[in-house]
Amino acid sequence: MDDYKKLNPTHRLYAYEVKFPFWDGNESVRRPYLDWATNDALSWYQAYNQTKHDRHVQFKEANFQNLLEAVAGLVVLLSSQFHTHDFLPLSVLVGDRPDQYDVAIGDYFLVKFPKDWPAQDRYSFNWENVKNDADPFQSLQF
């Protein structure tokens, strides 16, 4: 998980929200990386790791709550890298959304992207400016 945590400063994983659209209840919105905003460990990932390494003692940690957080965490990682682009021909959740959520990759979950990007960290890409550059890629320093 330490490798993924390196992405938090540049991808703002802590600020993403994932909504389970067909969920009736208070916990339909998840922020699986919110603990990284304060540099804390992810409880759902710790539970997974404990269960993996000591199944007989820690099996109670393999629960529905931690499963939902892990699934939401995967949705965040995919969304932070690929936005909402996938290769499916049809969306289940078609239409304008009044709740500021976008349909996530896979067309089942909804995702709210961070809105707190500082101007200096915003990505701007113009192919005309880099198409003839011999080395157009920049290295990201962790």
Protein backbone atom coordinates (compact mmCIF):
# COMPACT_ATOMS: atom_id res chain seq x y z
CA MET A 1 0.00 0.00 0.00
CA ASP A 2 3.00 2.28 0.45
CA ASP A 3 3.38 2.46 -3.34
CA TYR A 4 -0.20 3.71 -3.73
CA LYS A 5 0.24 6.20 -0.92
CA LYS A 6 2.94 7.88 -3.00
CA LEU A 7 0.17 8.85 -5.44
CA ASN A 8 -1.88 10.66 -2.82
CA PRO A 9 -0.08 14.04 -3.04
CA THR A 10 -0.38 14.17 -6.83
CA HIS A 11 -3.73 12.42 -7.32
CA ARG A 12 -5.53 13.63 -4.17
CA LEU A 13 -6.95 10.17 -3.50
CA TYR A 14 -8.17 11.32 -0.07
CA ALA A 15 -10.59 13.79 -1.69
CA TYR A 16 -12.46 11.35 -3.93
CA GLU A 17 -15.94 10.17 -3.01
CA VAL A 18 -17.56 7.01 -4.32
CA LYS A 19 -21.32 6.61 -4.24
CA PHE A 20 -23.12 3.29 -4.32
CA PRO A 21 -26.11 4.46 -6.40
CA PHE A 22 -28.69 1.81 -5.49
CA TRP A 23 -27.98 1.93 -1.77
CA ASP A 24 -30.70 3.13 0.57
CA GLY A 25 -29.01 4.32 3.70
CA ASN A 26 -26.53 6.68 5.27
CA GLU A 27 -23.40 4.90 4.09
CA SER A 28 -23.92 5.07 0.33
CA VAL A 29 -21.01 7.53 -0.01
CA ARG A 30 -17.49 6.30 0.77
CA ARG A 31 -14.15 8.10 1.01
CA PRO A 32 -11.75 5.16 1.26
CA TYR A 33 -8.54 7.22 1.34
CA LEU A 34 -9.72 9.99 3.65
CA ASP A 35 -7.37 8.80 6.43
CA TRP A 36 -4.44 9.71 4.19
CA ALA A 37 -5.43 13.39 4.47
CA THR A 38 -4.05 13.20 8.03
CA ASN A 39 -1.36 10.64 7.16
CA ASP A 40 -3.18 7.88 9.06
CA ALA A 41 -3.28 4.23 7.99
CA LEU A 42 -6.25 2.87 6.07
CA SER A 43 -8.22 0.70 8.48
CA TRP A 44 -9.83 -1.34 5.69
CA TYR A 45 -6.44 -2.15 4.19
CA GLN A 46 -5.00 -3.06 7.57
CA ALA A 47 -7.96 -5.41 8.11
CA TYR A 48 -7.31 -7.04 4.73
CA ASN A 49 -3.63 -7.48 5.51
CA GLN A 50 -4.31 -8.91 8.99
CA THR A 51 -6.84 -11.36 7.56
CA LYS A 52 -4.44 -12.40 4.82
CA HIS A 53 -1.60 -13.13 7.24
CA ASP A 54 -3.51 -14.53 10.23
CA ARG A 55 -6.80 -15.84 8.89
CA HIS A 56 -7.71 -17.97 11.90
CA VAL A 57 -7.45 -15.13 14.39
CA GLN A 58 -8.34 -12.13 12.26
CA PHE A 59 -11.14 -13.57 10.10
CA LYS A 60 -13.69 -11.26 11.72
CA GLU A 61 -11.95 -8.39 9.89
CA ALA A 62 -13.08 -9.89 6.57
CA ASN A 63 -16.45 -8.15 6.81
CA PHE A 64 -18.85 -6.36 4.49
CA GLN A 65 -17.81 -2.89 5.69
CA ASN A 66 -14.16 -3.48 4.78
CA LEU A 67 -15.17 -5.06 1.47
CA LEU A 68 -17.15 -1.95 0.52
CA GLU A 69 -14.23 0.30 1.43
CA ALA A 70 -11.85 -1.83 -0.65
CA VAL A 71 -14.16 -1.77 -3.68
CA ALA A 72 -14.55 2.00 -3.32
CA GLY A 73 -10.75 2.24 -3.07
CA LEU A 74 -10.40 0.42 -6.39
CA VAL A 75 -12.96 2.74 -8.01
CA VAL A 76 -10.94 5.74 -6.76
CA LEU A 77 -7.65 4.37 -8.13
CA LEU A 78 -9.16 3.66 -11.54
CA SER A 79 -10.93 7.02 -11.63
CA SER A 80 -7.82 8.94 -10.61
CA GLN A 81 -5.89 7.36 -13.46
CA PHE A 82 -8.47 7.03 -16.25
CA HIS A 83 -11.23 9.49 -15.20
CA THR A 84 -14.44 7.90 -16.54
CA HIS A 85 -13.04 6.32 -19.70
CA ASP A 86 -13.68 2.64 -20.24
CA PHE A 87 -14.46 0.38 -23.15
CA LEU A 88 -18.08 -0.50 -22.49
CA PRO A 89 -20.59 0.14 -25.27
CA LEU A 90 -23.49 1.14 -23.01
CA SER A 91 -23.91 2.86 -19.68
CA VAL A 92 -26.41 1.67 -17.07
CA LEU A 93 -26.48 5.06 -15.35
CA VAL A 94 -27.11 7.29 -18.37
CA GLY A 95 -28.29 10.87 -18.03
CA ASP A 96 -27.49 14.15 -16.40
CA ARG A 97 -26.73 13.90 -12.70
CA PRO A 98 -27.89 16.66 -10.37
CA ASP A 99 -25.71 15.43 -7.48
CA GLN A 100 -22.24 16.32 -8.87
CA TYR A 101 -21.24 12.67 -9.24
CA ASP A 102 -19.95 11.20 -12.51
CA VAL A 103 -20.52 7.63 -13.63
CA ALA A 104 -17.32 5.74 -12.76
CA ILE A 105 -15.51 3.16 -14.86
CA GLY A 106 -17.62 0.03 -15.03
CA ASP A 107 -20.86 2.01 -15.11
CA TYR A 108 -22.12 0.93 -11.71
CA PHE A 109 -20.51 3.25 -9.18
CA LEU A 110 -20.58 7.01 -9.08
CA VAL A 111 -17.53 9.13 -8.31
CA LYS A 112 -17.03 12.74 -7.25
CA PHE A 113 -13.69 14.10 -8.36
CA PRO A 114 -11.66 16.47 -6.18
CA LYS A 115 -12.31 20.18 -6.69
CA ASP A 116 -9.41 21.52 -4.59
CA TRP A 117 -6.54 21.37 -7.09
CA PRO A 118 -4.08 24.24 -6.66
CA ALA A 119 -3.49 26.08 -9.95
CA GLN A 120 0.19 25.03 -10.06
CA ASP A 121 -0.79 21.34 -9.86
CA ARG A 122 -3.41 21.40 -12.61
CA TYR A 123 -2.67 19.36 -15.67
CA SER A 124 -2.63 21.11 -19.00
CA PHE A 125 -1.80 19.28 -22.17
CA ASN A 126 -1.36 20.69 -25.64
CA TRP A 127 -0.13 18.15 -28.19
CA GLU A 128 1.12 20.89 -30.52
CA ASN A 129 3.60 22.01 -27.85
CA VAL A 130 5.14 18.57 -27.30
CA LYS A 131 4.69 16.55 -30.49
CA ASN A 132 8.20 17.33 -31.78
CA ASP A 133 9.91 17.12 -28.40
CA ALA A 134 12.45 14.26 -28.29
CA ASP A 135 11.64 13.56 -24.63
CA PRO A 136 8.15 14.90 -23.80
CA PHE A 137 7.78 13.05 -20.49
CA GLN A 138 8.56 14.54 -17.12
CA SER A 139 9.68 12.49 -14.14
CA LEU A 140 7.59 12.58 -11.00
CA GLN A 141 9.72 12.82 -7.89
CA PHE A 142 8.34 10.91 -4.89
